[in-house]
Amino acid sequence: MRAILNIIWLLFGGIWLALGYFLFGLLACLLIITIPAGIASFRMGTYALWPFGKTVVTKPTSGAGSALMNGIWFVIGGLWLAIGHLTTAAAQAITIVGIPLAIANLKMIPVTCFPFGKQIVDSDSIPAGTRPIFTI
């Protein structure tokens, strides 16, 4: 079922969302101080390509640096990518088949806005000592 949902996701919005993440990642890599935001954007872009079967967990080692970078990231690309998720979710929710995809889009928004301090792992292999935020 995950593979079917991932293929439908890829065709009906995932490719465009991933391209948005990759674009903002390239823009963030233009300045030295925002390179970590670019790397996080590339990580989220791969997640946006194939999200079903993945889990977002908190990183136990994140600290004040993650909070600072989350603020920088939100200004650079998080807000705009969240708007992209909202519009894609609205378009997907029109059909019955698209409703699970729209829900997945809405679940991705918190990680889109604040990706630092979070890690994307397979749902089958959640690391010990981490707390799942959500699973798609």
C-alpha atoms as a PDB file:
ATOM      1  CA  MET A   1       0.000   0.000   0.000  1.00  0.00           C
ATOM      2  CA  ARG A   2       2.883   2.371   0.768  1.00  0.00           C
ATOM      3  CA  ALA A   3       4.301   1.947  -2.719  1.00  0.00           C
ATOM      4  CA  ILE A   4       0.945   2.703  -4.350  1.00  0.00           C
ATOM      5  CA  LEU A   5       0.448   5.808  -2.202  1.00  0.00           C
ATOM      6  CA  ASN A   6       4.011   6.958  -2.919  1.00  0.00           C
ATOM      7  CA  ILE A   7       3.515   6.594  -6.674  1.00  0.00           C
ATOM      8  CA  ILE A   8       0.219   8.496  -6.559  1.00  0.00           C
ATOM      9  CA  TRP A   9       1.895  11.109  -4.332  1.00  0.00           C
ATOM     10  CA  LEU A  10       4.786  11.494  -6.764  1.00  0.00           C
ATOM     11  CA  LEU A  11       2.475  12.007  -9.731  1.00  0.00           C
ATOM     12  CA  PHE A  12       0.004  14.351  -8.042  1.00  0.00           C
ATOM     13  CA  GLY A  13       2.185  16.833  -6.227  1.00  0.00           C
ATOM     14  CA  GLY A  14       5.295  15.197  -4.822  1.00  0.00           C
ATOM     15  CA  ILE A  15       7.559  16.045  -7.747  1.00  0.00           C
ATOM     16  CA  TRP A  16       6.569  19.727  -7.635  1.00  0.00           C
ATOM     17  CA  LEU A  17       6.988  19.972  -3.880  1.00  0.00           C
ATOM     18  CA  ALA A  18      10.407  18.311  -4.106  1.00  0.00           C
ATOM     19  CA  LEU A  19      11.465  20.738  -6.841  1.00  0.00           C
ATOM     20  CA  GLY A  20      10.452  23.602  -4.544  1.00  0.00           C
ATOM     21  CA  TYR A  21      12.582  22.180  -1.748  1.00  0.00           C
ATOM     22  CA  PHE A  22      15.537  21.732  -4.086  1.00  0.00           C
ATOM     23  CA  LEU A  23      15.164  25.303  -5.375  1.00  0.00           C
ATOM     24  CA  PHE A  24      15.094  26.766  -1.853  1.00  0.00           C
ATOM     25  CA  GLY A  25      18.024  24.499  -0.950  1.00  0.00           C
ATOM     26  CA  LEU A  26      20.077  25.962  -3.783  1.00  0.00           C
ATOM     27  CA  LEU A  27      19.115  29.501  -2.749  1.00  0.00           C
ATOM     28  CA  ALA A  28      20.081  28.768   0.854  1.00  0.00           C
ATOM     29  CA  CYS A  29      23.479  27.440  -0.232  1.00  0.00           C
ATOM     30  CA  LEU A  30      24.393  30.805  -1.776  1.00  0.00           C
ATOM     31  CA  LEU A  31      25.447  32.206   1.610  1.00  0.00           C
ATOM     32  CA  ILE A  32      27.834  30.397   3.911  1.00  0.00           C
ATOM     33  CA  ILE A  33      25.728  30.906   7.025  1.00  0.00           C
ATOM     34  CA  THR A  34      22.633  29.354   5.438  1.00  0.00           C
ATOM     35  CA  ILE A  35      24.305  26.220   4.032  1.00  0.00           C
ATOM     36  CA  PRO A  36      22.854  24.071   6.875  1.00  0.00           C
ATOM     37  CA  ALA A  37      19.406  25.310   5.847  1.00  0.00           C
ATOM     38  CA  GLY A  38      20.167  24.251   2.263  1.00  0.00           C
ATOM     39  CA  ILE A  39      21.191  20.788   3.408  1.00  0.00           C
ATOM     40  CA  ALA A  40      17.985  20.507   5.472  1.00  0.00           C
ATOM     41  CA  SER A  41      16.000  21.571   2.416  1.00  0.00           C
ATOM     42  CA  PHE A  42      17.606  18.853   0.294  1.00  0.00           C
ATOM     43  CA  ARG A  43      16.804  16.314   3.046  1.00  0.00           C
ATOM     44  CA  MET A  44      13.179  17.469   3.094  1.00  0.00           C
ATOM     45  CA  GLY A  45      13.089  17.364  -0.715  1.00  0.00           C
ATOM     46  CA  THR A  46      13.900  13.656  -0.733  1.00  0.00           C
ATOM     47  CA  TYR A  47      11.238  13.179   1.944  1.00  0.00           C
ATOM     48  CA  ALA A  48       8.728  15.072  -0.222  1.00  0.00           C
ATOM     49  CA  LEU A  49       9.446  12.704  -3.114  1.00  0.00           C
ATOM     50  CA  TRP A  50       8.624   9.478  -1.230  1.00  0.00           C
ATOM     51  CA  PRO A  51       6.995  10.227   2.167  1.00  0.00           C
ATOM     52  CA  PHE A  52       4.853   7.177   2.902  1.00  0.00           C
ATOM     53  CA  GLY A  53       6.640   4.714   5.162  1.00  0.00           C
ATOM     54  CA  LYS A  54       8.736   7.449   6.781  1.00  0.00           C
ATOM     55  CA  THR A  55       8.595   8.786  10.336  1.00  0.00           C
ATOM     56  CA  VAL A  56       9.757  12.134  11.675  1.00  0.00           C
ATOM     57  CA  VAL A  57      11.460  11.850  15.067  1.00  0.00           C
ATOM     58  CA  THR A  58      13.072  14.390  17.361  1.00  0.00           C
ATOM     59  CA  LYS A  59      16.846  14.439  17.608  1.00  0.00           C
ATOM     60  CA  PRO A  60      17.889  14.138  21.232  1.00  0.00           C
ATOM     61  CA  THR A  61      21.133  16.041  20.582  1.00  0.00           C
ATOM     62  CA  SER A  62      19.591  19.212  19.147  1.00  0.00           C
ATOM     63  CA  GLY A  63      19.987  22.428  21.073  1.00  0.00           C
ATOM     64  CA  ALA A  64      20.014  26.203  20.775  1.00  0.00           C
ATOM     65  CA  GLY A  65      21.693  26.093  17.364  1.00  0.00           C
ATOM     66  CA  SER A  66      18.718  24.185  15.970  1.00  0.00           C
ATOM     67  CA  ALA A  67      16.330  26.811  17.308  1.00  0.00           C
ATOM     68  CA  LEU A  68      18.382  29.597  15.713  1.00  0.00           C
ATOM     69  CA  MET A  69      18.565  27.818  12.362  1.00  0.00           C
ATOM     70  CA  ASN A  70      14.823  27.076  12.484  1.00  0.00           C
ATOM     71  CA  GLY A  71      14.209  30.828  12.702  1.00  0.00           C
ATOM     72  CA  ILE A  72      16.526  31.541   9.778  1.00  0.00           C
ATOM     73  CA  TRP A  73      15.017  28.707   7.746  1.00  0.00           C
ATOM     74  CA  PHE A  74      11.452  29.848   8.379  1.00  0.00           C
ATOM     75  CA  VAL A  75      12.281  33.256   6.866  1.00  0.00           C
ATOM     76  CA  ILE A  76      14.253  31.855   3.910  1.00  0.00           C
ATOM     77  CA  GLY A  77      11.967  29.092   2.733  1.00  0.00           C
ATOM     78  CA  GLY A  78       9.844  27.449   5.396  1.00  0.00           C
ATOM     79  CA  LEU A  79       6.894  29.792   5.113  1.00  0.00           C
ATOM     80  CA  TRP A  80       6.816  29.628   1.309  1.00  0.00           C
ATOM     81  CA  LEU A  81       7.108  25.853   1.231  1.00  0.00           C
ATOM     82  CA  ALA A  82       4.331  25.580   3.826  1.00  0.00           C
ATOM     83  CA  ILE A  83       2.108  27.667   1.540  1.00  0.00           C
ATOM     84  CA  GLY A  84       2.982  25.236  -1.263  1.00  0.00           C
ATOM     85  CA  HIS A  85       1.909  22.325   0.936  1.00  0.00           C
ATOM     86  CA  LEU A  86      -1.377  24.073   1.775  1.00  0.00           C
ATOM     87  CA  THR A  87      -2.243  24.768  -1.851  1.00  0.00           C
ATOM     88  CA  THR A  88      -1.263  21.258  -2.932  1.00  0.00           C
ATOM     89  CA  ALA A  89      -3.338  19.764  -0.093  1.00  0.00           C
ATOM     90  CA  ALA A  90      -6.347  21.842  -1.136  1.00  0.00           C
ATOM     91  CA  ALA A  91      -6.032  20.607  -4.718  1.00  0.00           C
ATOM     92  CA  GLN A  92      -5.575  16.986  -3.642  1.00  0.00           C
ATOM     93  CA  ALA A  93      -8.516  17.045  -1.218  1.00  0.00           C
ATOM     94  CA  ILE A  94     -10.965  17.623  -4.067  1.00  0.00           C
ATOM     95  CA  THR A  95     -11.045  13.895  -4.891  1.00  0.00           C
ATOM     96  CA  ILE A  96     -11.613  10.956  -2.557  1.00  0.00           C
ATOM     97  CA  VAL A  97      -8.361   9.329  -3.654  1.00  0.00           C
ATOM     98  CA  GLY A  98      -6.491  12.540  -2.905  1.00  0.00           C
ATOM     99  CA  ILE A  99      -7.703  12.907   0.692  1.00  0.00           C
ATOM    100  CA  PRO A 100      -4.913  10.720   2.203  1.00  0.00           C
ATOM    101  CA  LEU A 101      -2.407  12.715   0.169  1.00  0.00           C
ATOM    102  CA  ALA A 102      -3.848  15.987   1.425  1.00  0.00           C
ATOM    103  CA  ILE A 103      -3.594  14.748   5.020  1.00  0.00           C
ATOM    104  CA  ALA A 104       0.042  13.778   4.426  1.00  0.00           C
ATOM    105  CA  ASN A 105       0.680  17.253   3.001  1.00  0.00           C
ATOM    106  CA  LEU A 106      -0.745  18.883   6.108  1.00  0.00           C
ATOM    107  CA  LYS A 107       1.319  16.611   8.374  1.00  0.00           C
ATOM    108  CA  MET A 108       4.500  17.723   6.608  1.00  0.00           C
ATOM    109  CA  ILE A 109       3.972  21.439   7.334  1.00  0.00           C
ATOM    110  CA  PRO A 110       5.483  21.533  10.862  1.00  0.00           C
ATOM    111  CA  VAL A 111       8.646  19.839   9.625  1.00  0.00           C
ATOM    112  CA  THR A 112       8.706  22.113   6.600  1.00  0.00           C
ATOM    113  CA  CYS A 113       8.662  25.206   8.783  1.00  0.00           C
ATOM    114  CA  PHE A 114      11.067  23.951  11.459  1.00  0.00           C
ATOM    115  CA  PRO A 115      13.258  21.076  10.153  1.00  0.00           C
ATOM    116  CA  PHE A 116      16.187  21.433  12.548  1.00  0.00           C
ATOM    117  CA  GLY A 117      16.098  19.154  15.563  1.00  0.00           C
ATOM    118  CA  LYS A 118      14.161  16.540  13.597  1.00  0.00           C
ATOM    119  CA  GLN A 119      15.245  13.450  11.713  1.00  0.00           C
ATOM    120  CA  ILE A 120      13.460  11.474   8.978  1.00  0.00           C
ATOM    121  CA  VAL A 121      13.745   7.698   9.356  1.00  0.00           C
ATOM    122  CA  ASP A 122      12.011   4.602   8.025  1.00  0.00           C
ATOM    123  CA  SER A 123       8.874   3.739   9.964  1.00  0.00           C
ATOM    124  CA  ASP A 124      10.194   0.225  10.515  1.00  0.00           C
ATOM    125  CA  SER A 125      13.466   1.354  12.131  1.00  0.00           C
ATOM    126  CA  ILE A 126      12.809   4.118  14.658  1.00  0.00           C
ATOM    127  CA  PRO A 127      16.000   4.668  16.698  1.00  0.00           C
ATOM    128  CA  ALA A 128      15.896   3.897  20.393  1.00  0.00           C
ATOM    129  CA  GLY A 129      15.568   6.936  22.617  1.00  0.00           C
ATOM    130  CA  THR A 130      13.745   9.049  20.024  1.00  0.00           C
ATOM    131  CA  ARG A 131      10.149  10.173  20.063  1.00  0.00           C
ATOM    132  CA  PRO A 132       8.128   9.960  16.828  1.00  0.00           C
ATOM    133  CA  ILE A 133       6.448  13.243  15.934  1.00  0.00           C
ATOM    134  CA  PHE A 134       4.300  11.749  13.189  1.00  0.00           C
ATOM    135  CA  THR A 135       4.253   8.931  10.670  1.00  0.00           C
ATOM    136  CA  ILE A 136       2.996   9.108   7.122  1.00  0.00           C
END
